[in-house]
């Protein structure tokens, strides 16, 4: 993944204008987000019908088919006539507006790099609690996969919507608002006493996740020329959030075993600290 994702993100954005970059990032995000949502949604039913080993064999078979398709696609691309680089490409999204924010683009990049790993910290904490939520609402294995994948479909929908509207670019209120909504929905999911609360929390949570991730990748590719380096940092902070969420929750439960909710409270506290960090970056007097 370290060799693949960074290369894809860099190749996708190299030499593109901001208007096309917005659309390309949206298409890139939507492809992996839709695939992830479908995988999570069908995982429970697949496991019930074909056994637990299917969770390894089915993805392995799909990856093998993708590899064969990639080799065929490489030959097709090599047989194509060279494309004139001076010829403007078709717009993939509406032309982006000029950046009117008083805050520098690099500060927005830093804010997105702070928000994105914390979003993944919340995501992976939620994923770790899915079995508990399924038992609480007495969901079958197959139904749990469908119900608890709603936020994944909502995130994919956010990617498709955001690629069509550039108004959120370099606007602090959208990034900060998405972060606040994420904290509220994170708590709503973990404390939900009714199934409809879980469903609504997931739907809104996915939208906030979508904007935070989109911001991180778009700013990484839009700010400066070191796209490969920025892609590396973008993925590295995701990795930190991915392992940090479960690790923090486990450490809290280890320290306070008598309080089952201590893990979720510890994650909420860290998210609130992250929100404070966003406002500090936005309103500090001197910018790097």
C-alpha atoms as a PDB file:
ATOM      1  CA  UNK A   1       0.000   0.000   0.000  1.00  0.00           C
ATOM      2  CA  UNK A   2       2.873   2.385   0.771  1.00  0.00           C
ATOM      3  CA  UNK A   3       4.245   1.864  -2.740  1.00  0.00           C
ATOM      4  CA  UNK A   4       0.824   2.054  -4.405  1.00  0.00           C
ATOM      5  CA  UNK A   5      -1.271   4.792  -2.829  1.00  0.00           C
ATOM      6  CA  UNK A   6       1.402   7.492  -2.861  1.00  0.00           C
ATOM      7  CA  UNK A   7       2.201   6.827  -6.520  1.00  0.00           C
ATOM      8  CA  UNK A   8      -1.458   6.900  -7.524  1.00  0.00           C
ATOM      9  CA  UNK A   9      -2.053  10.195  -5.737  1.00  0.00           C
ATOM     10  CA  UNK A  10       1.026  11.812  -7.270  1.00  0.00           C
ATOM     11  CA  UNK A  11       0.344  10.532 -10.801  1.00  0.00           C
ATOM     12  CA  UNK A  12      -3.289  11.612 -10.578  1.00  0.00           C
ATOM     13  CA  UNK A  13      -2.391  15.219  -9.810  1.00  0.00           C
ATOM     14  CA  UNK A  14       0.877  15.816 -11.654  1.00  0.00           C
ATOM     15  CA  UNK A  15       0.607  18.719 -14.092  1.00  0.00           C
ATOM     16  CA  UNK A  16      -3.119  19.267 -13.524  1.00  0.00           C
ATOM     17  CA  UNK A  17      -4.857  22.596 -13.039  1.00  0.00           C
ATOM     18  CA  UNK A  18      -6.852  23.212  -9.867  1.00  0.00           C
ATOM     19  CA  UNK A  19     -10.147  22.923 -11.770  1.00  0.00           C
ATOM     20  CA  UNK A  20      -9.268  19.435 -13.025  1.00  0.00           C
ATOM     21  CA  UNK A  21      -7.537  18.469  -9.772  1.00  0.00           C
ATOM     22  CA  UNK A  22     -10.749  18.912  -7.792  1.00  0.00           C
ATOM     23  CA  UNK A  23     -12.576  16.460 -10.068  1.00  0.00           C
ATOM     24  CA  UNK A  24      -9.730  13.972 -10.289  1.00  0.00           C
ATOM     25  CA  UNK A  25      -9.340  13.812  -6.512  1.00  0.00           C
ATOM     26  CA  UNK A  26     -13.087  13.303  -6.228  1.00  0.00           C
ATOM     27  CA  UNK A  27     -13.082  10.397  -8.701  1.00  0.00           C
ATOM     28  CA  UNK A  28     -10.060   8.840  -6.983  1.00  0.00           C
ATOM     29  CA  UNK A  29     -11.744   9.131  -3.572  1.00  0.00           C
ATOM     30  CA  UNK A  30     -15.067   7.789  -4.809  1.00  0.00           C
ATOM     31  CA  UNK A  31     -13.543   4.632  -6.343  1.00  0.00           C
ATOM     32  CA  UNK A  32     -11.880   3.380  -3.162  1.00  0.00           C
ATOM     33  CA  UNK A  33     -14.697   4.642  -0.919  1.00  0.00           C
ATOM     34  CA  UNK A  34     -17.441   2.844  -2.882  1.00  0.00           C
ATOM     35  CA  UNK A  35     -15.358  -0.349  -3.015  1.00  0.00           C
ATOM     36  CA  UNK A  36     -14.749  -0.174   0.736  1.00  0.00           C
ATOM     37  CA  UNK A  37     -18.434   0.424   1.461  1.00  0.00           C
ATOM     38  CA  UNK A  38     -19.523  -2.534  -0.700  1.00  0.00           C
ATOM     39  CA  UNK A  39     -16.906  -4.777   0.914  1.00  0.00           C
ATOM     40  CA  UNK A  40     -18.014  -3.907   4.452  1.00  0.00           C
ATOM     41  CA  UNK A  41     -21.693  -4.137   3.545  1.00  0.00           C
ATOM     42  CA  UNK A  42     -21.377  -7.630   2.029  1.00  0.00           C
ATOM     43  CA  UNK A  43     -18.736  -8.967   4.433  1.00  0.00           C
ATOM     44  CA  UNK A  44     -21.177 -10.276   7.011  1.00  0.00           C
ATOM     45  CA  UNK A  45     -23.359 -12.089   4.454  1.00  0.00           C
ATOM     46  CA  UNK A  46     -20.297 -13.479   2.669  1.00  0.00           C
ATOM     47  CA  UNK A  47     -18.863 -14.782   5.936  1.00  0.00           C
ATOM     48  CA  UNK A  48     -22.178 -16.391   6.875  1.00  0.00           C
ATOM     49  CA  UNK A  49     -22.648 -18.054   3.457  1.00  0.00           C
ATOM     50  CA  UNK A  50     -19.081 -19.053   2.553  1.00  0.00           C
ATOM     51  CA  UNK A  51     -17.294 -19.177   5.912  1.00  0.00           C
ATOM     52  CA  UNK A  52     -14.625 -16.992   7.475  1.00  0.00           C
ATOM     53  CA  UNK A  53     -11.964 -18.033   4.971  1.00  0.00           C
ATOM     54  CA  UNK A  54     -13.926 -16.248   2.238  1.00  0.00           C
ATOM     55  CA  UNK A  55     -12.809 -12.941   3.788  1.00  0.00           C
ATOM     56  CA  UNK A  56      -9.302 -13.797   2.522  1.00  0.00           C
ATOM     57  CA  UNK A  57      -9.980 -15.794  -0.646  1.00  0.00           C
ATOM     58  CA  UNK A  58     -12.493 -13.413  -2.252  1.00  0.00           C
ATOM     59  CA  UNK A  59     -10.301 -10.273  -1.949  1.00  0.00           C
ATOM     60  CA  UNK A  60      -7.247 -12.274  -3.075  1.00  0.00           C
ATOM     61  CA  UNK A  61      -9.155 -13.413  -6.177  1.00  0.00           C
ATOM     62  CA  UNK A  62     -10.263  -9.858  -6.931  1.00  0.00           C
ATOM     63  CA  UNK A  63      -6.710  -8.558  -6.573  1.00  0.00           C
ATOM     64  CA  UNK A  64      -5.456 -11.244  -8.961  1.00  0.00           C
ATOM     65  CA  UNK A  65      -8.054 -10.171 -11.550  1.00  0.00           C
ATOM     66  CA  UNK A  66      -7.037  -6.540 -11.055  1.00  0.00           C
ATOM     67  CA  UNK A  67      -3.401  -7.440 -11.656  1.00  0.00           C
ATOM     68  CA  UNK A  68      -4.274  -9.196 -14.931  1.00  0.00           C
ATOM     69  CA  UNK A  69      -6.403  -6.235 -15.978  1.00  0.00           C
ATOM     70  CA  UNK A  70      -3.564  -3.820 -15.138  1.00  0.00           C
ATOM     71  CA  UNK A  71      -1.134  -5.728 -17.346  1.00  0.00           C
ATOM     72  CA  UNK A  72      -3.633  -5.614 -20.225  1.00  0.00           C
ATOM     73  CA  UNK A  73      -4.298  -1.918 -19.587  1.00  0.00           C
ATOM     74  CA  UNK A  74      -0.567  -1.158 -19.653  1.00  0.00           C
ATOM     75  CA  UNK A  75      -0.321  -2.635 -23.147  1.00  0.00           C
ATOM     76  CA  UNK A  76      -3.305  -0.588 -24.318  1.00  0.00           C
ATOM     77  CA  UNK A  77      -1.763   2.619 -22.969  1.00  0.00           C
ATOM     78  CA  UNK A  78       1.615   1.880 -24.596  1.00  0.00           C
ATOM     79  CA  UNK A  79      -0.124   1.437 -27.946  1.00  0.00           C
ATOM     80  CA  UNK A  80      -1.817   4.829 -27.723  1.00  0.00           C
ATOM     81  CA  UNK A  81      -0.337   7.783 -29.651  1.00  0.00           C
ATOM     82  CA  UNK A  82       1.411  10.356 -27.429  1.00  0.00           C
ATOM     83  CA  UNK A  83      -0.841  13.050 -26.014  1.00  0.00           C
ATOM     84  CA  UNK A  84       0.067  16.666 -26.720  1.00  0.00           C
ATOM     85  CA  UNK A  85       0.754  18.211 -23.315  1.00  0.00           C
ATOM     86  CA  UNK A  86       0.008  21.740 -24.520  1.00  0.00           C
ATOM     87  CA  UNK A  87      -3.550  20.783 -25.420  1.00  0.00           C
ATOM     88  CA  UNK A  88      -5.915  21.708 -22.565  1.00  0.00           C
ATOM     89  CA  UNK A  89      -7.746  18.754 -21.069  1.00  0.00           C
ATOM     90  CA  UNK A  90     -11.466  18.620 -20.615  1.00  0.00           C
ATOM     91  CA  UNK A  91     -12.624  19.968 -17.261  1.00  0.00           C
ATOM     92  CA  UNK A  92     -13.556  17.178 -14.854  1.00  0.00           C
ATOM     93  CA  UNK A  93     -15.278  19.560 -12.477  1.00  0.00           C
ATOM     94  CA  UNK A  94     -16.454  23.179 -12.554  1.00  0.00           C
ATOM     95  CA  UNK A  95     -13.610  25.684 -12.483  1.00  0.00           C
ATOM     96  CA  UNK A  96     -12.565  26.368  -8.921  1.00  0.00           C
ATOM     97  CA  UNK A  97     -12.921  29.863  -7.541  1.00  0.00           C
ATOM     98  CA  UNK A  98      -9.973  32.004  -6.614  1.00  0.00           C
ATOM     99  CA  UNK A  99      -8.775  31.438  -3.065  1.00  0.00           C
ATOM    100  CA  UNK A 100     -10.019  34.392  -1.028  1.00  0.00           C
ATOM    101  CA  UNK A 101      -9.162  33.208   2.486  1.00  0.00           C
ATOM    102  CA  UNK A 102      -6.910  35.430   4.640  1.00  0.00           C
ATOM    103  CA  UNK A 103      -5.215  32.256   5.912  1.00  0.00           C
ATOM    104  CA  UNK A 104      -2.314  30.877   3.891  1.00  0.00           C
ATOM    105  CA  UNK A 105      -2.752  27.710   1.852  1.00  0.00           C
ATOM    106  CA  UNK A 106       0.022  25.991   3.814  1.00  0.00           C
ATOM    107  CA  UNK A 107      -1.839  26.634   7.065  1.00  0.00           C
ATOM    108  CA  UNK A 108      -4.903  24.935   5.595  1.00  0.00           C
ATOM    109  CA  UNK A 109      -2.661  22.040   4.620  1.00  0.00           C
ATOM    110  CA  UNK A 110      -1.417  21.734   8.210  1.00  0.00           C
ATOM    111  CA  UNK A 111      -4.967  21.933   9.562  1.00  0.00           C
ATOM    112  CA  UNK A 112      -6.077  19.156   7.208  1.00  0.00           C
ATOM    113  CA  UNK A 113      -3.086  17.019   8.191  1.00  0.00           C
ATOM    114  CA  UNK A 114      -4.127  17.466  11.834  1.00  0.00           C
ATOM    115  CA  UNK A 115      -7.824  16.761  11.274  1.00  0.00           C
ATOM    116  CA  UNK A 116      -7.454  13.727   9.002  1.00  0.00           C
ATOM    117  CA  UNK A 117      -5.546  11.394  11.378  1.00  0.00           C
ATOM    118  CA  UNK A 118      -7.949  12.312  14.180  1.00  0.00           C
ATOM    119  CA  UNK A 119     -10.842  11.405  11.870  1.00  0.00           C
ATOM    120  CA  UNK A 120      -9.203   8.032  11.258  1.00  0.00           C
ATOM    121  CA  UNK A 121      -8.660   7.680  14.997  1.00  0.00           C
ATOM    122  CA  UNK A 122     -12.436   8.030  15.421  1.00  0.00           C
ATOM    123  CA  UNK A 123     -13.148   5.737  12.448  1.00  0.00           C
ATOM    124  CA  UNK A 124     -11.064   2.872  13.766  1.00  0.00           C
ATOM    125  CA  UNK A 125     -12.433   3.269  17.272  1.00  0.00           C
ATOM    126  CA  UNK A 126     -15.942   2.953  15.818  1.00  0.00           C
ATOM    127  CA  UNK A 127     -14.979  -0.102  13.745  1.00  0.00           C
ATOM    128  CA  UNK A 128     -13.637  -1.764  16.883  1.00  0.00           C
ATOM    129  CA  UNK A 129     -16.992  -1.227  18.626  1.00  0.00           C
ATOM    130  CA  UNK A 130     -19.176  -2.528  15.741  1.00  0.00           C
ATOM    131  CA  UNK A 131     -19.515  -6.053  17.253  1.00  0.00           C
ATOM    132  CA  UNK A 132     -20.678  -4.513  20.544  1.00  0.00           C
ATOM    133  CA  UNK A 133     -23.195  -2.301  18.727  1.00  0.00           C
ATOM    134  CA  UNK A 134     -24.451  -5.301  16.747  1.00  0.00           C
ATOM    135  CA  UNK A 135     -25.025  -7.281  19.945  1.00  0.00           C
ATOM    136  CA  UNK A 136     -26.690  -4.322  21.630  1.00  0.00           C
ATOM    137  CA  UNK A 137     -29.224  -3.947  18.800  1.00  0.00           C
ATOM    138  CA  UNK A 138     -29.457  -7.735  18.301  1.00  0.00           C
ATOM    139  CA  UNK A 139     -28.375  -7.535  14.656  1.00  0.00           C
ATOM    140  CA  UNK A 140     -27.519 -10.672  12.724  1.00  0.00           C
ATOM    141  CA  UNK A 141     -24.074 -10.981  11.143  1.00  0.00           C
ATOM    142  CA  UNK A 142     -25.374 -10.085   7.685  1.00  0.00           C
ATOM    143  CA  UNK A 143     -27.621  -7.257   8.916  1.00  0.00           C
ATOM    144  CA  UNK A 144     -24.821  -5.783  11.043  1.00  0.00           C
ATOM    145  CA  UNK A 145     -22.685  -5.474   7.907  1.00  0.00           C
ATOM    146  CA  UNK A 146     -25.456  -3.582   6.113  1.00  0.00           C
ATOM    147  CA  UNK A 147     -26.499  -1.293   8.968  1.00  0.00           C
ATOM    148  CA  UNK A 148     -22.978  -0.494  10.172  1.00  0.00           C
ATOM    149  CA  UNK A 149     -21.700   0.285   6.665  1.00  0.00           C
ATOM    150  CA  UNK A 150     -24.042   3.253   6.185  1.00  0.00           C
ATOM    151  CA  UNK A 151     -21.345   5.761   7.105  1.00  0.00           C
ATOM    152  CA  UNK A 152     -19.111   4.301   4.393  1.00  0.00           C
ATOM    153  CA  UNK A 153     -21.759   4.893   1.717  1.00  0.00           C
ATOM    154  CA  UNK A 154     -22.383   8.359   3.143  1.00  0.00           C
ATOM    155  CA  UNK A 155     -18.652   9.144   2.898  1.00  0.00           C
ATOM    156  CA  UNK A 156     -18.576   7.969  -0.727  1.00  0.00           C
ATOM    157  CA  UNK A 157     -21.572  10.195  -1.442  1.00  0.00           C
ATOM    158  CA  UNK A 158     -19.761  13.141   0.139  1.00  0.00           C
ATOM    159  CA  UNK A 159     -16.800  12.591  -2.204  1.00  0.00           C
ATOM    160  CA  UNK A 160     -19.111  12.659  -5.236  1.00  0.00           C
ATOM    161  CA  UNK A 161     -20.850  15.836  -4.057  1.00  0.00           C
ATOM    162  CA  UNK A 162     -17.711  17.729  -3.036  1.00  0.00           C
ATOM    163  CA  UNK A 163     -16.039  17.157  -6.405  1.00  0.00           C
ATOM    164  CA  UNK A 164     -18.876  19.126  -8.030  1.00  0.00           C
ATOM    165  CA  UNK A 165     -18.742  22.132  -5.688  1.00  0.00           C
ATOM    166  CA  UNK A 166     -15.516  24.054  -5.009  1.00  0.00           C
ATOM    167  CA  UNK A 167     -17.030  26.424  -2.440  1.00  0.00           C
ATOM    168  CA  UNK A 168     -15.485  24.528   0.484  1.00  0.00           C
ATOM    169  CA  UNK A 169     -11.918  25.070  -0.732  1.00  0.00           C
ATOM    170  CA  UNK A 170      -9.802  26.997   1.782  1.00  0.00           C
ATOM    171  CA  UNK A 171     -12.786  27.793   4.009  1.00  0.00           C
ATOM    172  CA  UNK A 172     -12.058  27.217   7.679  1.00  0.00           C
ATOM    173  CA  UNK A 173     -15.722  27.094   8.680  1.00  0.00           C
ATOM    174  CA  UNK A 174     -16.276  23.957   6.587  1.00  0.00           C
ATOM    175  CA  UNK A 175     -13.276  22.085   7.962  1.00  0.00           C
ATOM    176  CA  UNK A 176     -13.934  23.115  11.569  1.00  0.00           C
ATOM    177  CA  UNK A 177     -17.672  22.480  11.196  1.00  0.00           C
ATOM    178  CA  UNK A 178     -17.050  18.982   9.829  1.00  0.00           C
ATOM    179  CA  UNK A 179     -14.735  18.283  12.770  1.00  0.00           C
ATOM    180  CA  UNK A 180     -17.335  19.409  15.335  1.00  0.00           C
ATOM    181  CA  UNK A 181     -20.036  17.336  13.623  1.00  0.00           C
ATOM    182  CA  UNK A 182     -17.680  14.348  13.618  1.00  0.00           C
ATOM    183  CA  UNK A 183     -17.210  14.582  17.406  1.00  0.00           C
ATOM    184  CA  UNK A 184     -20.968  14.844  18.016  1.00  0.00           C
ATOM    185  CA  UNK A 185     -21.822  11.931  15.718  1.00  0.00           C
ATOM    186  CA  UNK A 186     -18.990   9.838  17.139  1.00  0.00           C
ATOM    187  CA  UNK A 187     -20.520  10.223  20.584  1.00  0.00           C
ATOM    188  CA  UNK A 188     -24.004   9.688  19.149  1.00  0.00           C
ATOM    189  CA  UNK A 189     -23.016   6.339  17.640  1.00  0.00           C
ATOM    190  CA  UNK A 190     -21.378   5.040  20.801  1.00  0.00           C
ATOM    191  CA  UNK A 191     -24.204   6.216  23.073  1.00  0.00           C
ATOM    192  CA  UNK A 192     -27.113   5.390  20.738  1.00  0.00           C
ATOM    193  CA  UNK A 193     -30.024   3.747  22.538  1.00  0.00           C
ATOM    194  CA  UNK A 194     -32.214   3.458  19.431  1.00  0.00           C
ATOM    195  CA  UNK A 195     -31.403   2.095  15.995  1.00  0.00           C
ATOM    196  CA  UNK A 196     -32.581   5.253  14.219  1.00  0.00           C
ATOM    197  CA  UNK A 197     -30.068   7.312  16.238  1.00  0.00           C
ATOM    198  CA  UNK A 198     -27.298   4.976  15.076  1.00  0.00           C
ATOM    199  CA  UNK A 199     -28.429   5.291  11.452  1.00  0.00           C
ATOM    200  CA  UNK A 200     -28.685   9.110  11.443  1.00  0.00           C
ATOM    201  CA  UNK A 201     -25.381   9.479  13.309  1.00  0.00           C
ATOM    202  CA  UNK A 202     -23.687   7.297  10.695  1.00  0.00           C
ATOM    203  CA  UNK A 203     -25.150   9.222   7.758  1.00  0.00           C
ATOM    204  CA  UNK A 204     -23.958  12.590   9.069  1.00  0.00           C
ATOM    205  CA  UNK A 205     -20.668  11.140  10.288  1.00  0.00           C
ATOM    206  CA  UNK A 206     -19.842   9.875   6.800  1.00  0.00           C
ATOM    207  CA  UNK A 207     -20.394  13.346   5.331  1.00  0.00           C
ATOM    208  CA  UNK A 208     -18.009  14.922   7.844  1.00  0.00           C
ATOM    209  CA  UNK A 209     -15.394  12.212   7.275  1.00  0.00           C
ATOM    210  CA  UNK A 210     -15.665  12.824   3.550  1.00  0.00           C
ATOM    211  CA  UNK A 211     -14.940  16.539   3.793  1.00  0.00           C
ATOM    212  CA  UNK A 212     -12.023  16.061   6.185  1.00  0.00           C
ATOM    213  CA  UNK A 213     -10.340  13.392   4.044  1.00  0.00           C
ATOM    214  CA  UNK A 214     -11.018  15.287   0.812  1.00  0.00           C
ATOM    215  CA  UNK A 215      -9.458  18.421   2.349  1.00  0.00           C
ATOM    216  CA  UNK A 216      -6.312  16.577   3.333  1.00  0.00           C
ATOM    217  CA  UNK A 217      -5.736  15.001  -0.077  1.00  0.00           C
ATOM    218  CA  UNK A 218      -6.815  18.013  -2.132  1.00  0.00           C
ATOM    219  CA  UNK A 219      -4.639  20.461  -0.193  1.00  0.00           C
ATOM    220  CA  UNK A 220      -1.737  17.993  -0.296  1.00  0.00           C
ATOM    221  CA  UNK A 221      -1.908  17.935  -4.089  1.00  0.00           C
ATOM    222  CA  UNK A 222      -2.802  21.630  -4.563  1.00  0.00           C
ATOM    223  CA  UNK A 223      -0.224  23.300  -2.289  1.00  0.00           C
ATOM    224  CA  UNK A 224       3.342  23.426  -3.600  1.00  0.00           C
ATOM    225  CA  UNK A 225       5.071  21.167  -6.096  1.00  0.00           C
ATOM    226  CA  UNK A 226       6.265  18.314  -3.841  1.00  0.00           C
ATOM    227  CA  UNK A 227       3.216  16.159  -4.464  1.00  0.00           C
ATOM    228  CA  UNK A 228       4.964  12.860  -3.744  1.00  0.00           C
ATOM    229  CA  UNK A 229       6.221  14.133  -0.390  1.00  0.00           C
ATOM    230  CA  UNK A 230       2.816  15.538   0.511  1.00  0.00           C
ATOM    231  CA  UNK A 231       1.132  12.273  -0.472  1.00  0.00           C
ATOM    232  CA  UNK A 232       3.551  10.468   1.856  1.00  0.00           C
ATOM    233  CA  UNK A 233       2.693  12.733   4.780  1.00  0.00           C
ATOM    234  CA  UNK A 234      -1.032  12.451   3.985  1.00  0.00           C
ATOM    235  CA  UNK A 235      -0.863   8.647   4.142  1.00  0.00           C
ATOM    236  CA  UNK A 236       1.532   8.578   7.117  1.00  0.00           C
ATOM    237  CA  UNK A 237      -0.787  10.615   9.343  1.00  0.00           C
ATOM    238  CA  UNK A 238      -3.662   8.335   8.303  1.00  0.00           C
ATOM    239  CA  UNK A 239      -1.552   5.402   9.482  1.00  0.00           C
ATOM    240  CA  UNK A 240      -0.930   7.157  12.786  1.00  0.00           C
ATOM    241  CA  UNK A 241      -4.655   7.721  13.314  1.00  0.00           C
ATOM    242  CA  UNK A 242      -5.525   4.187  12.220  1.00  0.00           C
ATOM    243  CA  UNK A 243      -3.381   2.547  14.890  1.00  0.00           C
ATOM    244  CA  UNK A 244      -3.749   5.352  17.436  1.00  0.00           C
ATOM    245  CA  UNK A 245      -7.514   5.029  17.943  1.00  0.00           C
ATOM    246  CA  UNK A 246      -7.656   1.372  19.043  1.00  0.00           C
ATOM    247  CA  UNK A 247      -4.381   1.765  20.944  1.00  0.00           C
ATOM    248  CA  UNK A 248      -5.675   4.734  22.921  1.00  0.00           C
ATOM    249  CA  UNK A 249      -8.984   3.010  23.680  1.00  0.00           C
ATOM    250  CA  UNK A 250      -7.199  -0.163  24.777  1.00  0.00           C
ATOM    251  CA  UNK A 251      -4.800   1.790  26.997  1.00  0.00           C
ATOM    252  CA  UNK A 252      -7.710   3.610  28.662  1.00  0.00           C
ATOM    253  CA  UNK A 253      -9.507   0.316  29.316  1.00  0.00           C
ATOM    254  CA  UNK A 254      -6.293  -1.139  30.704  1.00  0.00           C
ATOM    255  CA  UNK A 255      -5.831   1.784  33.081  1.00  0.00           C
ATOM    256  CA  UNK A 256      -9.518   2.022  34.066  1.00  0.00           C
ATOM    257  CA  UNK A 257     -10.930  -1.517  33.731  1.00  0.00           C
ATOM    258  CA  UNK A 258     -13.886  -0.701  35.967  1.00  0.00           C
ATOM    259  CA  UNK A 259     -15.152   1.892  33.455  1.00  0.00           C
ATOM    260  CA  UNK A 260     -16.099   0.286  30.105  1.00  0.00           C
ATOM    261  CA  UNK A 261     -16.684   3.685  28.506  1.00  0.00           C
ATOM    262  CA  UNK A 262     -13.201   4.982  29.358  1.00  0.00           C
ATOM    263  CA  UNK A 263     -11.847   4.099  25.901  1.00  0.00           C
ATOM    264  CA  UNK A 264     -14.498   6.140  24.090  1.00  0.00           C
ATOM    265  CA  UNK A 265     -14.075   9.029  26.550  1.00  0.00           C
ATOM    266  CA  UNK A 266     -10.313   9.061  25.976  1.00  0.00           C
ATOM    267  CA  UNK A 267     -10.836   9.252  22.201  1.00  0.00           C
ATOM    268  CA  UNK A 268     -13.409  12.058  22.641  1.00  0.00           C
ATOM    269  CA  UNK A 269     -10.948  13.988  24.789  1.00  0.00           C
ATOM    270  CA  UNK A 270      -8.239  13.661  22.142  1.00  0.00           C
ATOM    271  CA  UNK A 271     -10.684  14.797  19.443  1.00  0.00           C
ATOM    272  CA  UNK A 272     -11.508  17.891  21.504  1.00  0.00           C
ATOM    273  CA  UNK A 273      -7.776  18.610  21.818  1.00  0.00           C
ATOM    274  CA  UNK A 274      -7.542  18.279  18.056  1.00  0.00           C
ATOM    275  CA  UNK A 275     -10.355  20.796  17.624  1.00  0.00           C
ATOM    276  CA  UNK A 276      -8.417  23.190  19.846  1.00  0.00           C
ATOM    277  CA  UNK A 277      -5.376  22.612  17.641  1.00  0.00           C
ATOM    278  CA  UNK A 278      -7.370  23.546  14.527  1.00  0.00           C
ATOM    279  CA  UNK A 279      -8.440  26.862  16.064  1.00  0.00           C
ATOM    280  CA  UNK A 280      -4.884  27.541  17.237  1.00  0.00           C
ATOM    281  CA  UNK A 281      -3.537  27.040  13.715  1.00  0.00           C
ATOM    282  CA  UNK A 282      -6.271  29.229  12.278  1.00  0.00           C
ATOM    283  CA  UNK A 283      -5.978  32.171  14.670  1.00  0.00           C
ATOM    284  CA  UNK A 284      -2.314  32.209  15.696  1.00  0.00           C
ATOM    285  CA  UNK A 285      -0.575  35.459  14.869  1.00  0.00           C
ATOM    286  CA  UNK A 286       2.463  34.097  13.027  1.00  0.00           C
ATOM    287  CA  UNK A 287       2.154  31.491  10.256  1.00  0.00           C
ATOM    288  CA  UNK A 288       4.901  29.147   9.102  1.00  0.00           C
END
